[in-house]
PDB file of all heavy atoms in Angstrom:
ATOM      1  N   ARG A   1      13.573  -2.431 -70.497  1.00  0.00           N
ATOM      2  CA  ARG A   1      13.367  -2.483 -71.940  1.00  0.00           C
ATOM      3  C   ARG A   1      14.673  -2.595 -72.712  1.00  0.00           C
ATOM      4  O   ARG A   1      14.713  -2.920 -73.922  1.00  0.00           O
ATOM      5  CB  ARG A   1      12.578  -1.288 -72.420  1.00  0.00           C
ATOM      6  CG  ARG A   1      13.262   0.071 -72.168  1.00  0.00           C
ATOM      7  CD  ARG A   1      12.430   1.203 -72.625  1.00  0.00           C
ATOM      8  NE  ARG A   1      13.076   2.505 -72.357  1.00  0.00           N
ATOM      9  CZ  ARG A   1      12.638   3.623 -72.825  1.00  0.00           C
ATOM     10  NH1 ARG A   1      11.559   3.699 -73.571  1.00  0.00           N
ATOM     11  NH2 ARG A   1      13.218   4.770 -72.528  1.00  0.00           N
ATOM     12  N   PHE A   2      15.818  -2.301 -72.067  1.00  0.00           N
ATOM     13  CA  PHE A   2      17.113  -2.391 -72.721  1.00  0.00           C
ATOM     14  C   PHE A   2      17.736  -3.764 -72.696  1.00  0.00           C
ATOM     15  O   PHE A   2      18.835  -3.990 -73.213  1.00  0.00           O
ATOM     16  CB  PHE A   2      18.091  -1.387 -72.140  1.00  0.00           C
ATOM     17  CG  PHE A   2      17.643   0.066 -72.279  1.00  0.00           C
ATOM     18  CD1 PHE A   2      17.406   0.833 -71.183  1.00  0.00           C
ATOM     19  CD2 PHE A   2      17.532   0.626 -73.558  1.00  0.00           C
ATOM     20  CE1 PHE A   2      17.004   2.180 -71.302  1.00  0.00           C
ATOM     21  CE2 PHE A   2      17.118   1.950 -73.665  1.00  0.00           C
ATOM     22  CZ  PHE A   2      16.860   2.705 -72.581  1.00  0.00           C
ATOM     23  N   ILE A   3      17.096  -4.723 -72.005  1.00  0.00           N
ATOM     24  CA  ILE A   3      17.651  -6.078 -71.910  1.00  0.00           C
ATOM     25  C   ILE A   3      17.603  -6.724 -73.280  1.00  0.00           C
ATOM     26  O   ILE A   3      16.559  -6.827 -73.941  1.00  0.00           O
ATOM     27  CB  ILE A   3      16.893  -6.930 -70.902  1.00  0.00           C
ATOM     28  CG1 ILE A   3      16.898  -6.237 -69.514  1.00  0.00           C
ATOM     29  CG2 ILE A   3      17.448  -8.345 -70.795  1.00  0.00           C
ATOM     30  CD1 ILE A   3      16.111  -6.993 -68.460  1.00  0.00           C
ATOM     31  N   ASN A   4      18.744  -7.277 -73.733  1.00  0.00           N
ATOM     32  CA  ASN A   4      18.830  -7.909 -75.021  1.00  0.00           C
ATOM     33  C   ASN A   4      18.476  -9.393 -74.952  1.00  0.00           C
ATOM     34  O   ASN A   4      18.515 -10.035 -73.915  1.00  0.00           O
ATOM     35  CB  ASN A   4      20.246  -7.744 -75.603  1.00  0.00           C
ATOM     36  CG  ASN A   4      20.460  -6.385 -76.220  1.00  0.00           C
ATOM     37  OD1 ASN A   4      19.596  -5.844 -76.919  1.00  0.00           O
ATOM     38  ND2 ASN A   4      21.620  -5.780 -75.923  1.00  0.00           N
ATOM     39  N   HIS A   5      18.195  -9.938 -76.154  1.00  0.00           N
ATOM     40  CA  HIS A   5      17.907 -11.379 -76.279  1.00  0.00           C
ATOM     41  C   HIS A   5      19.187 -12.211 -76.338  1.00  0.00           C
ATOM     42  O   HIS A   5      20.233 -11.741 -76.847  1.00  0.00           O
ATOM     43  CB  HIS A   5      17.079 -11.652 -77.543  1.00  0.00           C
ATOM     44  CG  HIS A   5      17.083 -13.103 -77.938  1.00  0.00           C
ATOM     45  ND1 HIS A   5      16.152 -14.015 -77.467  1.00  0.00           N
ATOM     46  CD2 HIS A   5      17.868 -13.748 -78.798  1.00  0.00           C
ATOM     47  CE1 HIS A   5      16.395 -15.196 -77.943  1.00  0.00           C
ATOM     48  NE2 HIS A   5      17.429 -15.071 -78.824  1.00  0.00           N
ATOM     49  N   SER A   6      19.135 -13.394 -75.799  1.00  0.00           N
ATOM     50  CA  SER A   6      20.239 -14.312 -75.932  1.00  0.00           C
ATOM     51  C   SER A   6      19.697 -15.737 -75.968  1.00  0.00           C
ATOM     52  O   SER A   6      18.764 -16.105 -75.281  1.00  0.00           O
ATOM     53  CB  SER A   6      21.261 -14.168 -74.713  1.00  0.00           C
ATOM     54  OG  SER A   6      22.279 -15.170 -74.840  1.00  0.00           O
ATOM     55  N   CYS A   7      20.314 -16.579 -76.840  1.00  0.00           N
ATOM     56  CA  CYS A   7      19.895 -17.994 -76.876  1.00  0.00           C
ATOM     57  C   CYS A   7      20.444 -18.769 -75.682  1.00  0.00           C
ATOM     58  O   CYS A   7      19.967 -19.891 -75.394  1.00  0.00           O
ATOM     59  CB  CYS A   7      20.385 -18.640 -78.173  1.00  0.00           C
ATOM     60  SG  CYS A   7      19.695 -17.894 -79.671  1.00  0.00           S
ATOM     61  N   ASN A   8      21.420 -18.236 -74.982  1.00  0.00           N
ATOM     62  CA  ASN A   8      21.943 -18.841 -73.739  1.00  0.00           C
ATOM     63  C   ASN A   8      21.930 -17.742 -72.656  1.00  0.00           C
ATOM     64  O   ASN A   8      22.968 -17.245 -72.258  1.00  0.00           O
ATOM     65  CB  ASN A   8      23.400 -19.331 -73.978  1.00  0.00           C
ATOM     66  CG  ASN A   8      23.894 -20.091 -72.763  1.00  0.00           C
ATOM     67  OD1 ASN A   8      23.128 -20.592 -71.926  1.00  0.00           O
ATOM     68  ND2 ASN A   8      25.213 -20.147 -72.622  1.00  0.00           N
ATOM     69  N   PRO A   9      20.726 -17.382 -72.169  1.00  0.00           N
ATOM     70  CA  PRO A   9      20.605 -16.223 -71.296  1.00  0.00           C
ATOM     71  C   PRO A   9      20.952 -16.565 -69.859  1.00  0.00           C
ATOM     72  O   PRO A   9      21.028 -17.730 -69.451  1.00  0.00           O
ATOM     73  CB  PRO A   9      19.101 -15.906 -71.379  1.00  0.00           C
ATOM     74  CG  PRO A   9      18.461 -17.184 -71.652  1.00  0.00           C
ATOM     75  CD  PRO A   9      19.433 -18.007 -72.479  1.00  0.00           C
ATOM     76  N   ASN A  10      21.180 -15.540 -69.036  1.00  0.00           N
ATOM     77  CA  ASN A  10      21.458 -15.658 -67.619  1.00  0.00           C
ATOM     78  C   ASN A  10      20.196 -15.304 -66.791  1.00  0.00           C
ATOM     79  O   ASN A  10      20.297 -15.338 -65.564  1.00  0.00           O
ATOM     80  CB  ASN A  10      22.633 -14.836 -67.188  1.00  0.00           C
ATOM     81  CG  ASN A  10      22.555 -13.352 -67.587  1.00  0.00           C
ATOM     82  OD1 ASN A  10      21.454 -12.901 -67.957  1.00  0.00           O
ATOM     83  ND2 ASN A  10      23.639 -12.684 -67.556  1.00  0.00           N
ATOM     84  N   CYS A  11      19.097 -14.905 -67.474  1.00  0.00           N
ATOM     85  CA  CYS A  11      17.871 -14.554 -66.802  1.00  0.00           C
ATOM     86  C   CYS A  11      16.661 -15.145 -67.553  1.00  0.00           C
ATOM     87  O   CYS A  11      16.796 -15.613 -68.671  1.00  0.00           O
ATOM     88  CB  CYS A  11      17.719 -13.023 -66.658  1.00  0.00           C
ATOM     89  SG  CYS A  11      18.920 -12.267 -65.576  1.00  0.00           S
ATOM     90  N   TYR A  12      15.515 -15.054 -66.956  1.00  0.00           N
ATOM     91  CA  TYR A  12      14.290 -15.450 -67.605  1.00  0.00           C
ATOM     92  C   TYR A  12      13.170 -14.563 -67.092  1.00  0.00           C
ATOM     93  O   TYR A  12      13.254 -13.962 -66.035  1.00  0.00           O
ATOM     94  CB  TYR A  12      13.957 -16.922 -67.313  1.00  0.00           C
ATOM     95  CG  TYR A  12      13.693 -17.271 -65.866  1.00  0.00           C
ATOM     96  CD1 TYR A  12      12.418 -17.270 -65.383  1.00  0.00           C
ATOM     97  CD2 TYR A  12      14.741 -17.534 -65.000  1.00  0.00           C
ATOM     98  CE1 TYR A  12      12.136 -17.606 -64.007  1.00  0.00           C
ATOM     99  CE2 TYR A  12      14.513 -17.852 -63.682  1.00  0.00           C
ATOM    100  CZ  TYR A  12      13.220 -17.906 -63.205  1.00  0.00           C
ATOM    101  OH  TYR A  12      13.003 -18.213 -61.886  1.00  0.00           O
ATOM    102  N   ALA A  13      12.104 -14.455 -67.928  1.00  0.00           N
ATOM    103  CA  ALA A  13      10.933 -13.613 -67.562  1.00  0.00           C
ATOM    104  C   ALA A  13       9.828 -14.488 -66.978  1.00  0.00           C
ATOM    105  O   ALA A  13       9.658 -15.605 -67.446  1.00  0.00           O
ATOM    106  CB  ALA A  13      10.466 -12.842 -68.801  1.00  0.00           C
ATOM    107  N   LYS A  14       9.141 -13.924 -66.025  1.00  0.00           N
ATOM    108  CA  LYS A  14       8.050 -14.672 -65.370  1.00  0.00           C
ATOM    109  C   LYS A  14       6.918 -13.724 -65.028  1.00  0.00           C
ATOM    110  O   LYS A  14       7.152 -12.603 -64.629  1.00  0.00           O
ATOM    111  CB  LYS A  14       8.564 -15.340 -64.085  1.00  0.00           C
ATOM    112  CG  LYS A  14       7.521 -16.185 -63.343  1.00  0.00           C
ATOM    113  CD  LYS A  14       8.140 -16.810 -62.089  1.00  0.00           C
ATOM    114  CE  LYS A  14       7.110 -17.651 -61.335  1.00  0.00           C
ATOM    115  NZ  LYS A  14       7.709 -18.189 -60.079  1.00  0.00           N
ATOM    116  N   VAL A  15       5.679 -14.198 -65.287  1.00  0.00           N
ATOM    117  CA  VAL A  15       4.523 -13.398 -64.936  1.00  0.00           C
ATOM    118  C   VAL A  15       4.012 -13.774 -63.568  1.00  0.00           C
ATOM    119  O   VAL A  15       3.747 -14.958 -63.268  1.00  0.00           O
ATOM    120  CB  VAL A  15       3.390 -13.590 -66.021  1.00  0.00           C
ATOM    121  CG1 VAL A  15       2.159 -12.797 -65.628  1.00  0.00           C
ATOM    122  CG2 VAL A  15       3.852 -13.249 -67.388  1.00  0.00           C
ATOM    123  N   ILE A  16       3.920 -12.785 -62.638  1.00  0.00           N
ATOM    124  CA  ILE A  16       3.460 -13.030 -61.323  1.00  0.00           C
ATOM    125  C   ILE A  16       2.209 -12.147 -61.053  1.00  0.00           C
ATOM    126  O   ILE A  16       2.041 -11.153 -61.762  1.00  0.00           O
ATOM    127  CB  ILE A  16       4.523 -12.745 -60.228  1.00  0.00           C
ATOM    128  CG1 ILE A  16       4.907 -11.308 -60.275  1.00  0.00           C
ATOM    129  CG2 ILE A  16       5.765 -13.638 -60.459  1.00  0.00           C
ATOM    130  CD1 ILE A  16       5.852 -10.901 -59.103  1.00  0.00           C
ATOM    131  N   THR A  17       1.441 -12.516 -60.097  1.00  0.00           N
ATOM    132  CA  THR A  17       0.246 -11.740 -59.718  1.00  0.00           C
ATOM    133  C   THR A  17       0.464 -11.059 -58.388  1.00  0.00           C
ATOM    134  O   THR A  17       0.720 -11.725 -57.368  1.00  0.00           O
ATOM    135  CB  THR A  17      -0.995 -12.622 -59.691  1.00  0.00           C
ATOM    136  OG1 THR A  17      -1.135 -13.281 -60.942  1.00  0.00           O
ATOM    137  CG2 THR A  17      -2.244 -11.813 -59.430  1.00  0.00           C
ATOM    138  N   VAL A  18       0.328  -9.734 -58.353  1.00  0.00           N
ATOM    139  CA  VAL A  18       0.468  -8.946 -57.124  1.00  0.00           C
ATOM    140  C   VAL A  18      -0.726  -8.086 -56.998  1.00  0.00           C
ATOM    141  O   VAL A  18      -0.998  -7.240 -57.830  1.00  0.00           O
ATOM    142  CB  VAL A  18       1.780  -8.077 -57.185  1.00  0.00           C
ATOM    143  CG1 VAL A  18       1.885  -7.242 -55.922  1.00  0.00           C
ATOM    144  CG2 VAL A  18       2.995  -8.947 -57.384  1.00  0.00           C
ATOM    145  N   GLU A  19      -1.477  -8.338 -55.905  1.00  0.00           N
ATOM    146  CA  GLU A  19      -2.700  -7.576 -55.607  1.00  0.00           C
ATOM    147  C   GLU A  19      -3.640  -7.611 -56.820  1.00  0.00           C
ATOM    148  O   GLU A  19      -4.082  -6.573 -57.323  1.00  0.00           O
ATOM    149  CB  GLU A  19      -2.389  -6.152 -55.212  1.00  0.00           C
ATOM    150  CG  GLU A  19      -1.596  -6.023 -53.914  1.00  0.00           C
ATOM    151  CD  GLU A  19      -1.283  -4.612 -53.535  1.00  0.00           C
ATOM    152  OE1 GLU A  19      -1.531  -3.720 -54.357  1.00  0.00           O
ATOM    153  OE2 GLU A  19      -0.782  -4.380 -52.434  1.00  0.00           O
ATOM    154  N   SER A  20      -3.897  -8.780 -57.356  1.00  0.00           N
ATOM    155  CA  SER A  20      -4.812  -9.055 -58.482  1.00  0.00           C
ATOM    156  C   SER A  20      -4.374  -8.373 -59.745  1.00  0.00           C
ATOM    157  O   SER A  20      -5.158  -8.192 -60.682  1.00  0.00           O
ATOM    158  CB  SER A  20      -6.267  -8.602 -58.125  1.00  0.00           C
ATOM    159  OG  SER A  20      -6.706  -9.286 -56.965  1.00  0.00           O
ATOM    160  N   GLN A  21      -3.109  -8.035 -59.895  1.00  0.00           N
ATOM    161  CA  GLN A  21      -2.566  -7.448 -61.100  1.00  0.00           C
ATOM    162  C   GLN A  21      -1.343  -8.171 -61.578  1.00  0.00           C
ATOM    163  O   GLN A  21      -0.447  -8.488 -60.794  1.00  0.00           O
ATOM    164  CB  GLN A  21      -2.169  -5.960 -60.835  1.00  0.00           C
ATOM    165  CG  GLN A  21      -1.766  -5.215 -62.080  1.00  0.00           C
ATOM    166  CD  GLN A  21      -1.426  -3.779 -61.819  1.00  0.00           C
ATOM    167  OE1 GLN A  21      -1.459  -3.315 -60.696  1.00  0.00           O
ATOM    168  NE2 GLN A  21      -1.080  -3.024 -62.865  1.00  0.00           N
ATOM    169  N   LYS A  22      -1.349  -8.582 -62.867  1.00  0.00           N
ATOM    170  CA  LYS A  22      -0.231  -9.344 -63.426  1.00  0.00           C
ATOM    171  C   LYS A  22       0.910  -8.433 -63.731  1.00  0.00           C
ATOM    172  O   LYS A  22       0.757  -7.360 -64.326  1.00  0.00           O
ATOM    173  CB  LYS A  22      -0.719 -10.046 -64.695  1.00  0.00           C
ATOM    174  CG  LYS A  22      -1.712 -11.179 -64.439  1.00  0.00           C
ATOM    175  CD  LYS A  22      -2.047 -11.917 -65.703  1.00  0.00           C
ATOM    176  CE  LYS A  22      -3.029 -13.037 -65.428  1.00  0.00           C
ATOM    177  NZ  LYS A  22      -3.451 -13.758 -66.661  1.00  0.00           N
ATOM    178  N   LYS A  23       2.136  -8.899 -63.330  1.00  0.00           N
ATOM    179  CA  LYS A  23       3.345  -8.138 -63.571  1.00  0.00           C
ATOM    180  C   LYS A  23       4.382  -9.062 -64.161  1.00  0.00           C
ATOM    181  O   LYS A  23       4.409 -10.263 -63.877  1.00  0.00           O
ATOM    182  CB  LYS A  23       3.849  -7.526 -62.266  1.00  0.00           C
ATOM    183  CG  LYS A  23       2.924  -6.516 -61.672  1.00  0.00           C
ATOM    184  CD  LYS A  23       3.482  -5.942 -60.350  1.00  0.00           C
ATOM    185  CE  LYS A  23       2.585  -4.908 -59.740  1.00  0.00           C
ATOM    186  NZ  LYS A  23       2.479  -3.684 -60.592  1.00  0.00           N
ATOM    187  N   ILE A  24       5.244  -8.502 -64.994  1.00  0.00           N
ATOM    188  CA  ILE A  24       6.383  -9.222 -65.578  1.00  0.00           C
ATOM    189  C   ILE A  24       7.656  -8.892 -64.844  1.00  0.00           C
ATOM    190  O   ILE A  24       8.037  -7.695 -64.679  1.00  0.00           O
ATOM    191  CB  ILE A  24       6.513  -8.883 -67.074  1.00  0.00           C
ATOM    192  CG1 ILE A  24       5.291  -9.309 -67.860  1.00  0.00           C
ATOM    193  CG2 ILE A  24       7.737  -9.574 -67.651  1.00  0.00           C
ATOM    194  CD1 ILE A  24       5.291  -8.896 -69.281  1.00  0.00           C
ATOM    195  N   VAL A  25       8.331  -9.898 -64.328  1.00  0.00           N
ATOM    196  CA  VAL A  25       9.550  -9.692 -63.565  1.00  0.00           C
ATOM    197  C   VAL A  25      10.654 -10.546 -64.153  1.00  0.00           C
ATOM    198  O   VAL A  25      10.412 -11.682 -64.587  1.00  0.00           O
ATOM    199  CB  VAL A  25       9.317 -10.095 -62.076  1.00  0.00           C
ATOM    200  CG1 VAL A  25      10.617  -9.868 -61.308  1.00  0.00           C
ATOM    201  CG2 VAL A  25       8.181  -9.296 -61.487  1.00  0.00           C
ATOM    202  N   ILE A  26      11.848  -9.963 -64.226  1.00  0.00           N
ATOM    203  CA  ILE A  26      13.050 -10.654 -64.767  1.00  0.00           C
ATOM    204  C   ILE A  26      13.726 -11.362 -63.567  1.00  0.00           C
ATOM    205  O   ILE A  26      14.116 -10.665 -62.623  1.00  0.00           O
ATOM    206  CB  ILE A  26      13.968  -9.719 -65.497  1.00  0.00           C
ATOM    207  CG1 ILE A  26      13.143  -8.895 -66.536  1.00  0.00           C
ATOM    208  CG2 ILE A  26      15.062 -10.485 -66.160  1.00  0.00           C
ATOM    209  CD1 ILE A  26      12.473  -9.722 -67.589  1.00  0.00           C
ATOM    210  N   TYR A  27      13.909 -12.666 -63.670  1.00  0.00           N
ATOM    211  CA  TYR A  27      14.609 -13.445 -62.625  1.00  0.00           C
ATOM    212  C   TYR A  27      16.006 -13.868 -63.162  1.00  0.00           C
ATOM    213  O   TYR A  27      16.199 -14.047 -64.344  1.00  0.00           O
ATOM    214  CB  TYR A  27      13.814 -14.718 -62.299  1.00  0.00           C
ATOM    215  CG  TYR A  27      12.637 -14.551 -61.412  1.00  0.00           C
ATOM    216  CD1 TYR A  27      11.461 -14.035 -61.862  1.00  0.00           C
ATOM    217  CD2 TYR A  27      12.693 -14.938 -60.068  1.00  0.00           C
ATOM    218  CE1 TYR A  27      10.326 -13.924 -61.056  1.00  0.00           C
ATOM    219  CE2 TYR A  27      11.577 -14.835 -59.235  1.00  0.00           C
ATOM    220  CZ  TYR A  27      10.419 -14.300 -59.703  1.00  0.00           C
ATOM    221  OH  TYR A  27       9.320 -14.161 -58.924  1.00  0.00           O
ATOM    222  N   SER A  28      16.919 -14.070 -62.222  1.00  0.00           N
ATOM    223  CA  SER A  28      18.232 -14.545 -62.594  1.00  0.00           C
ATOM    224  C   SER A  28      18.253 -16.082 -62.596  1.00  0.00           C
ATOM    225  O   SER A  28      17.743 -16.730 -61.674  1.00  0.00           O
ATOM    226  CB  SER A  28      19.292 -14.011 -61.609  1.00  0.00           C
ATOM    227  OG  SER A  28      18.953 -14.398 -60.247  1.00  0.00           O
ATOM    228  N   LYS A  29      18.766 -16.679 -63.689  1.00  0.00           N
ATOM    229  CA  LYS A  29      18.893 -18.119 -63.776  1.00  0.00           C
ATOM    230  C   LYS A  29      20.110 -18.638 -63.048  1.00  0.00           C
ATOM    231  O   LYS A  29      20.140 -19.760 -62.593  1.00  0.00           O
ATOM    232  CB  LYS A  29      18.959 -18.566 -65.220  1.00  0.00           C
ATOM    233  CG  LYS A  29      17.652 -18.440 -66.015  1.00  0.00           C
ATOM    234  CD  LYS A  29      17.857 -18.880 -67.458  1.00  0.00           C
ATOM    235  CE  LYS A  29      18.253 -20.299 -67.567  1.00  0.00           C
ATOM    236  NZ  LYS A  29      18.360 -20.756 -68.995  1.00  0.00           N
ATOM    237  N   GLN A  30      21.159 -17.831 -62.975  1.00  0.00           N
ATOM    238  CA  GLN A  30      22.421 -18.236 -62.419  1.00  0.00           C
ATOM    239  C   GLN A  30      23.047 -16.975 -61.761  1.00  0.00           C
ATOM    240  O   GLN A  30      22.473 -15.920 -61.725  1.00  0.00           O
ATOM    241  CB  GLN A  30      23.309 -18.751 -63.513  1.00  0.00           C
ATOM    242  CG  GLN A  30      23.601 -17.701 -64.605  1.00  0.00           C
ATOM    243  CD  GLN A  30      24.064 -18.269 -65.932  1.00  0.00           C
ATOM    244  OE1 GLN A  30      23.602 -19.353 -66.302  1.00  0.00           O
ATOM    245  NE2 GLN A  30      24.922 -17.585 -66.632  1.00  0.00           N
ATOM    246  N   HIS A  31      24.241 -17.239 -61.187  1.00  0.00           N
ATOM    247  CA  HIS A  31      24.954 -16.120 -60.577  1.00  0.00           C
ATOM    248  C   HIS A  31      25.418 -15.147 -61.629  1.00  0.00           C
ATOM    249  O   HIS A  31      25.974 -15.556 -62.697  1.00  0.00           O
ATOM    250  CB  HIS A  31      26.162 -16.636 -59.754  1.00  0.00           C
ATOM    251  CG  HIS A  31      26.970 -15.544 -59.115  1.00  0.00           C
ATOM    252  ND1 HIS A  31      26.583 -14.910 -58.001  1.00  0.00           N
ATOM    253  CD2 HIS A  31      28.116 -14.985 -59.549  1.00  0.00           C
ATOM    254  CE1 HIS A  31      27.490 -13.948 -57.672  1.00  0.00           C
ATOM    255  NE2 HIS A  31      28.412 -13.976 -58.632  1.00  0.00           N
ATOM    256  N   ILE A  32      25.203 -13.847 -61.397  1.00  0.00           N
ATOM    257  CA  ILE A  32      25.559 -12.814 -62.386  1.00  0.00           C
ATOM    258  C   ILE A  32      26.678 -11.958 -61.724  1.00  0.00           C
ATOM    259  O   ILE A  32      26.505 -11.435 -60.641  1.00  0.00           O
ATOM    260  CB  ILE A  32      24.395 -11.971 -62.753  1.00  0.00           C
ATOM    261  CG1 ILE A  32      23.291 -12.872 -63.376  1.00  0.00           C
ATOM    262  CG2 ILE A  32      24.795 -10.880 -63.718  1.00  0.00           C
ATOM    263  CD1 ILE A  32      22.010 -12.155 -63.740  1.00  0.00           C
TER     264      ILE A  32
END
């Protein structure tokens, strides 16, 4: 929840399904 917004971010958010339950996971777009 402490991740800030950026117009040129190094990560992105993605909704995945794990055991029939939707979860939000933050992925890295580039090397950090």
